[in-house]
Each structure stands twice: as C-alpha cells, then as structure tokens.
Amino acid sequence: MAGSTRRRPQHGGRTAAGALLALAAFLAGACAPRLAPPGPGPTAPSLTADHLVAADGLELPFRAWLPADGVRPKAVIVALHGINDYSNAFEEPGRYWAGRGIATYAYDQRGFGAAPHRGLWAGTPALTADLTAAARVLRARYPGIPLYLLGQSMGGAVVLAAMAGADPPPAAGVILAAPAVWARSTMPLLPRISLWIGAHTLPSKSGLQKILGCNGWLGPPNLPPPHPGVPNWPFALSRASG
C-alpha cells in the first residue's frame, strides 16, 4: 500500500537473552566450585609445638601469645582471622593481652596463610569443626579457666556458625569484631550473580590475582603482603570488608 512502511521484526532482545541463557548453561555444566580436600584421615585433635592437628588429620599452623612463665592465665582466647588474612593478624592484641594475663591462640584457617590448600575454600563444616577441635583441646589444657572465641570478619562468621551448630565448641562467650553476617541470600541480585560466577569460574585465588594484578595476596595493592613475625593487626583493620 502506498505510503505504508513495513516494520522489521526486532530480534536483538531475544538474541541477547538467548546468549545469556547459553552462557549460564555453560557455566553451570562446565564449572563447579572447587573445595579444599580434607586431611589424611580421622585423628584425635591435638596441639603440637606449632600446629593444630584437626579432626581429619590436617595440620594448621598456630601462634600463641601467653602470659609470663608461671603465671596462670585469667582467660583463654581462640582467635579466628578474617578472609585474606592469617593468624598473625592478632600479633599486637595477643601481646597486649598476654601482658594482662590472657592467653591467646590463633591458627591459620584452611586455605589461608601457611595452611594447606591455600586459596581454596574449605567449606563451613570443615572450618567450624576446626574451631570446635581447637576449643576442646584448649579447654582440656586449661581446665577451670574461661575460654572465649574471638572472630574477626570471616572469623566471626565461623564462630557464629559453630555456636549455632549441633555440636558447638565449649566457650564461656564469644567476641565478634565486624563479623561477616551479610549472607548471599540477602544481597541484591548483581552481587549474588557476581559471587556465583566467581565461585564457578575462579575456584582459587590464583585466577583472580592474575586479573587484579595482585602480588600473591588479595590485600590492598599499595601494602606489602604480610609475613610471619611482622605485626599484622593494621592489615586486618585496613580490610573492613575482609
């Protein structure tokens, strides 16, 4: 008909939606979050000179800041570091508390610091079981002395999960420092999607480090990575999201 125009069908939106669905299907089918493997086998948890031996036999490096020889501690703290950190995060407060009669023990959680399988997430059951094991070993070592669980950021989440579990660690109380309590289920859609894609495509830190250009750890790029023997509390304070 004269003067009329024929409108072409619009396929751009369908094409984009189809591409997104195909990408999602590929990611779901080809990738899966990789968890750190367990230890060599069941064993009785214990403390060696410098390791916590977990219930599955995995050895986790630990540090202790103790009162002077012959001084009976007034309290014992089991301290859990945050993400991208390790046990030396408590060097400064540990020494301070030791001078006031409080014993502090901190270990490198699985996948962090000098613990095995660095960069791999171990899963909530393994992390909470390690905390319960540490608490019980120290409870036996210090009978009659109150034992407290201190968790910073991710460590706070591990403390909360352990205390809410069916077999909670024996503790007189908990100390939560900026605990990580923002669950993925309560996040907006975009952060949830980003976390899902990251977990399914970058199962270890190594891939993310290459993308971000980090120098072996995921702390602020203008600060050197932490090393044993160096007070590390400022690093923990500087990573409010950690």
Protein backbone atom coordinates (compact mmCIF):
# COMPACT_ATOMS: atom_id res chain seq x y z
CA MET A 1 0.00 0.00 0.00
CA ALA A 2 1.33 3.44 -0.93
CA GLY A 3 2.70 5.43 1.96
CA SER A 4 2.89 2.45 4.28
CA THR A 5 6.07 1.05 5.83
CA ARG A 6 6.84 -2.48 6.81
CA ARG A 7 8.35 -2.88 10.26
CA ARG A 8 11.10 -5.44 10.57
CA PRO A 9 10.85 -7.90 13.47
CA GLN A 10 13.09 -7.00 16.38
CA HIS A 11 15.33 -9.92 17.29
CA GLY A 12 18.05 -8.10 19.25
CA GLY A 13 16.44 -8.64 22.65
CA ARG A 14 15.78 -12.32 22.01
CA THR A 15 19.32 -12.84 20.75
CA ALA A 16 20.83 -11.23 23.85
CA ALA A 17 18.57 -13.22 26.17
CA GLY A 18 19.45 -16.42 24.33
CA ALA A 19 23.16 -15.68 24.64
CA LEU A 20 22.84 -15.08 28.38
CA LEU A 21 20.93 -18.33 28.84
CA ALA A 22 23.54 -20.22 26.85
CA LEU A 23 26.34 -18.71 28.95
CA ALA A 24 24.54 -19.62 32.17
CA ALA A 25 24.02 -23.18 30.98
CA PHE A 26 27.69 -23.46 30.03
CA LEU A 27 28.87 -22.18 33.39
CA ALA A 28 26.51 -24.47 35.29
CA GLY A 29 27.53 -27.52 33.31
CA ALA A 30 31.23 -26.94 32.84
CA CYS A 31 32.33 -25.42 36.14
CA ALA A 32 31.73 -26.09 39.80
CA PRO A 33 33.11 -24.51 42.95
CA ARG A 34 36.26 -26.32 44.00
CA LEU A 35 36.58 -27.04 47.71
CA ALA A 36 39.80 -27.81 49.50
CA PRO A 37 40.28 -31.55 50.06
CA PRO A 38 40.13 -32.93 53.61
CA GLY A 39 43.08 -34.09 55.67
CA PRO A 40 44.72 -37.51 55.53
CA GLY A 41 42.28 -39.22 57.91
CA PRO A 42 40.43 -39.12 61.23
CA THR A 43 42.55 -38.49 64.30
CA ALA A 44 42.24 -37.09 67.79
CA PRO A 45 42.65 -33.28 67.62
CA SER A 46 45.78 -32.02 69.36
CA LEU A 47 48.26 -29.18 69.60
CA THR A 48 51.90 -29.75 68.63
CA ALA A 49 54.64 -27.19 69.12
CA ASP A 50 53.36 -25.06 66.27
CA HIS A 51 50.35 -26.76 64.67
CA LEU A 52 46.75 -27.55 65.45
CA VAL A 53 46.05 -31.09 64.28
CA ALA A 54 42.42 -31.10 63.14
CA ALA A 55 39.98 -33.98 63.45
CA ASP A 56 40.72 -35.09 59.87
CA GLY A 57 44.48 -35.00 60.42
CA LEU A 58 45.16 -31.72 58.63
CA GLU A 59 47.86 -29.62 60.33
CA LEU A 60 47.08 -25.92 60.71
CA PRO A 61 49.87 -23.54 61.79
CA PHE A 62 49.09 -21.70 65.00
CA ARG A 63 50.56 -18.95 67.14
CA ALA A 64 50.22 -18.34 70.86
CA TRP A 65 50.76 -15.27 72.99
CA LEU A 66 50.98 -16.38 76.61
CA PRO A 67 51.46 -14.73 80.00
CA ALA A 68 54.87 -14.94 81.59
CA ASP A 69 56.11 -18.33 82.72
CA GLY A 70 54.45 -19.46 85.91
CA VAL A 71 51.51 -17.06 85.53
CA ARG A 72 48.17 -18.84 85.38
CA PRO A 73 46.02 -17.25 82.65
CA LYS A 74 42.89 -15.41 83.73
CA ALA A 75 41.23 -16.31 80.44
CA VAL A 76 41.98 -18.05 77.14
CA ILE A 77 41.04 -16.68 73.71
CA VAL A 78 40.81 -18.67 70.49
CA ALA A 79 41.11 -16.05 67.75
CA LEU A 80 39.98 -16.53 64.14
CA HIS A 81 41.24 -14.20 61.42
CA GLY A 82 39.26 -12.73 58.54
CA ILE A 83 39.39 -13.52 54.84
CA ASN A 84 42.68 -12.86 53.02
CA ASP A 85 44.44 -12.84 56.39
CA TYR A 86 46.15 -15.29 58.71
CA SER A 87 46.85 -15.90 62.38
CA ASN A 88 49.48 -13.20 62.74
CA ALA A 89 46.65 -10.66 62.47
CA PHE A 90 46.47 -10.95 66.26
CA GLU A 91 50.14 -10.24 66.98
CA GLU A 92 49.58 -6.83 68.56
CA PRO A 93 46.49 -7.58 70.64
CA GLY A 94 47.88 -11.00 71.54
CA ARG A 95 50.99 -9.48 73.09
CA TYR A 96 48.89 -6.82 74.82
CA TRP A 97 46.54 -9.39 76.34
CA ALA A 98 49.43 -11.65 77.36
CA GLY A 99 50.81 -8.79 79.43
CA ARG A 100 47.49 -8.69 81.24
CA GLY A 101 47.27 -12.39 82.00
CA ILE A 102 45.24 -13.57 78.99
CA ALA A 103 46.43 -16.41 76.73
CA THR A 104 45.61 -16.06 73.03
CA TYR A 105 45.79 -18.83 70.45
CA ALA A 106 45.27 -18.23 66.73
CA TYR A 107 45.64 -20.61 63.81
CA ASP A 108 45.72 -20.22 60.04
CA GLN A 109 42.34 -21.38 58.82
CA ARG A 110 42.25 -23.84 55.93
CA GLY A 111 43.17 -22.20 52.67
CA PHE A 112 44.75 -19.16 54.33
CA GLY A 113 48.25 -18.20 55.43
CA ALA A 114 50.58 -21.19 55.65
CA ALA A 115 47.73 -23.70 56.00
CA PRO A 116 47.40 -26.40 53.32
CA HIS A 117 45.48 -25.75 50.08
CA ARG A 118 46.00 -22.02 50.14
CA GLY A 119 43.43 -20.17 48.07
CA LEU A 120 40.78 -22.92 48.19
CA TRP A 121 37.63 -22.56 50.26
CA ALA A 122 37.25 -25.43 52.73
CA GLY A 123 33.52 -25.12 53.41
CA THR A 124 31.63 -24.21 56.55
CA PRO A 125 31.57 -27.73 58.10
CA ALA A 126 35.37 -28.04 57.95
CA LEU A 127 36.01 -24.54 59.29
CA THR A 128 33.59 -24.91 62.20
CA ALA A 129 34.93 -28.38 63.02
CA ASP A 130 38.44 -26.93 63.26
CA LEU A 131 37.24 -24.27 65.70
CA THR A 132 35.45 -26.84 67.84
CA ALA A 133 38.56 -29.02 67.88
CA ALA A 134 40.78 -26.11 68.92
CA ALA A 135 38.38 -25.06 71.67
CA ARG A 136 38.17 -28.56 73.10
CA VAL A 137 41.93 -29.09 73.08
CA LEU A 138 42.46 -25.79 74.88
CA ARG A 139 39.63 -26.44 77.31
CA ALA A 140 41.42 -29.64 78.32
CA ARG A 141 44.72 -27.79 78.61
CA TYR A 142 43.25 -25.03 80.79
CA PRO A 143 40.57 -26.62 82.97
CA GLY A 144 38.54 -24.19 85.03
CA ILE A 145 39.69 -21.12 83.05
CA PRO A 146 37.08 -19.31 80.94
CA LEU A 147 37.61 -19.74 77.21
CA TYR A 148 36.36 -17.20 74.69
CA LEU A 149 36.05 -17.32 70.90
CA LEU A 150 37.14 -14.21 69.03
CA GLY A 151 36.22 -13.89 65.36
CA GLN A 152 37.14 -11.02 63.05
CA SER A 153 35.07 -10.62 59.86
CA MET A 154 35.02 -14.08 58.23
CA GLY A 155 36.29 -15.49 61.51
CA GLY A 156 33.22 -14.02 63.19
CA ALA A 157 31.00 -15.86 60.72
CA VAL A 158 32.80 -19.12 61.52
CA VAL A 159 32.30 -18.52 65.25
CA LEU A 160 28.59 -17.85 64.78
CA ALA A 161 28.12 -20.91 62.57
CA ALA A 162 29.96 -23.12 65.05
CA MET A 163 27.99 -21.87 68.04
CA ALA A 164 24.71 -22.38 66.16
CA GLY A 165 25.62 -25.92 65.13
CA ALA A 166 24.56 -29.19 66.67
CA ASP A 167 27.93 -29.67 68.38
CA PRO A 168 29.10 -26.19 69.47
CA PRO A 169 32.57 -25.58 70.89
CA PRO A 170 32.86 -25.24 74.69
CA ALA A 171 33.07 -21.48 75.22
CA ALA A 172 32.22 -19.11 78.03
CA GLY A 173 31.40 -16.43 75.47
CA VAL A 174 32.14 -15.02 72.04
CA ILE A 175 33.75 -11.77 70.85
CA LEU A 176 32.72 -10.62 67.37
CA ALA A 177 34.79 -7.96 65.57
CA ALA A 178 32.96 -6.76 62.44
CA PRO A 179 31.52 -10.24 61.81
CA ALA A 180 30.68 -11.20 58.24
CA VAL A 181 26.93 -11.66 58.58
CA TRP A 182 25.74 -10.44 55.15
CA ALA A 183 24.51 -13.67 53.61
CA ARG A 184 24.32 -14.09 49.85
CA SER A 185 20.58 -14.71 50.14
CA THR A 186 20.05 -11.15 51.42
CA MET A 187 22.30 -9.44 48.85
CA PRO A 188 20.98 -7.56 45.81
CA LEU A 189 20.83 -9.51 42.56
CA LEU A 190 24.01 -8.17 40.96
CA PRO A 191 26.36 -9.09 43.86
CA ARG A 192 24.75 -12.54 44.06
CA ILE A 193 25.33 -13.15 40.35
CA SER A 194 28.90 -11.86 40.57
CA LEU A 195 29.71 -14.14 43.51
CA TRP A 196 28.15 -17.15 41.77
CA ILE A 197 30.13 -16.55 38.58
CA GLY A 198 33.33 -16.03 40.57
CA ALA A 199 32.83 -19.23 42.57
CA HIS A 200 32.19 -21.25 39.41
CA THR A 201 34.90 -19.79 37.20
CA LEU A 202 37.68 -18.74 39.63
CA PRO A 203 37.73 -21.52 42.25
CA SER A 204 41.08 -20.40 43.64
CA LYS A 205 42.66 -17.03 44.27
CA SER A 206 45.25 -17.55 41.57
CA GLY A 207 42.93 -16.67 38.72
CA LEU A 208 41.59 -13.63 40.50
CA GLN A 209 45.12 -12.49 41.35
CA LYS A 210 46.06 -12.57 37.68
CA ILE A 211 43.04 -10.47 36.79
CA LEU A 212 43.60 -7.94 39.58
CA GLY A 213 47.38 -7.88 39.26
CA CYS A 214 47.93 -8.66 42.94
CA ASN A 215 51.31 -9.79 44.24
CA GLY A 216 50.33 -13.09 45.82
CA TRP A 217 47.61 -11.97 48.21
CA LEU A 218 44.36 -10.08 47.96
CA GLY A 219 45.11 -7.23 50.34
CA PRO A 220 45.42 -3.58 49.31
CA PRO A 221 47.83 -3.32 46.33
CA ASN A 222 49.78 -0.46 47.94
CA LEU A 223 50.70 -2.52 51.02
CA PRO A 224 53.22 -5.37 51.15
CA PRO A 225 51.93 -8.89 51.80
CA PRO A 226 52.10 -9.97 55.46
CA HIS A 227 54.97 -12.09 56.68
CA PRO A 228 55.46 -14.18 59.81
CA GLY A 229 56.85 -12.16 62.67
CA VAL A 230 55.50 -8.83 61.42
CA PRO A 231 52.67 -7.28 63.47
CA ASN A 232 49.66 -7.63 61.22
CA TRP A 233 46.77 -6.02 63.12
CA PRO A 234 46.84 -2.87 60.91
CA PHE A 235 46.29 -5.09 57.88
CA ALA A 236 43.21 -6.58 59.48
CA LEU A 237 41.90 -3.15 60.40
CA SER A 238 42.51 -1.82 56.91
CA ARG A 239 40.36 -4.50 55.31
CA ALA A 240 36.94 -3.67 56.69
CA SER A 241 35.33 -5.96 54.12
CA GLY A 242 37.68 -8.87 54.88
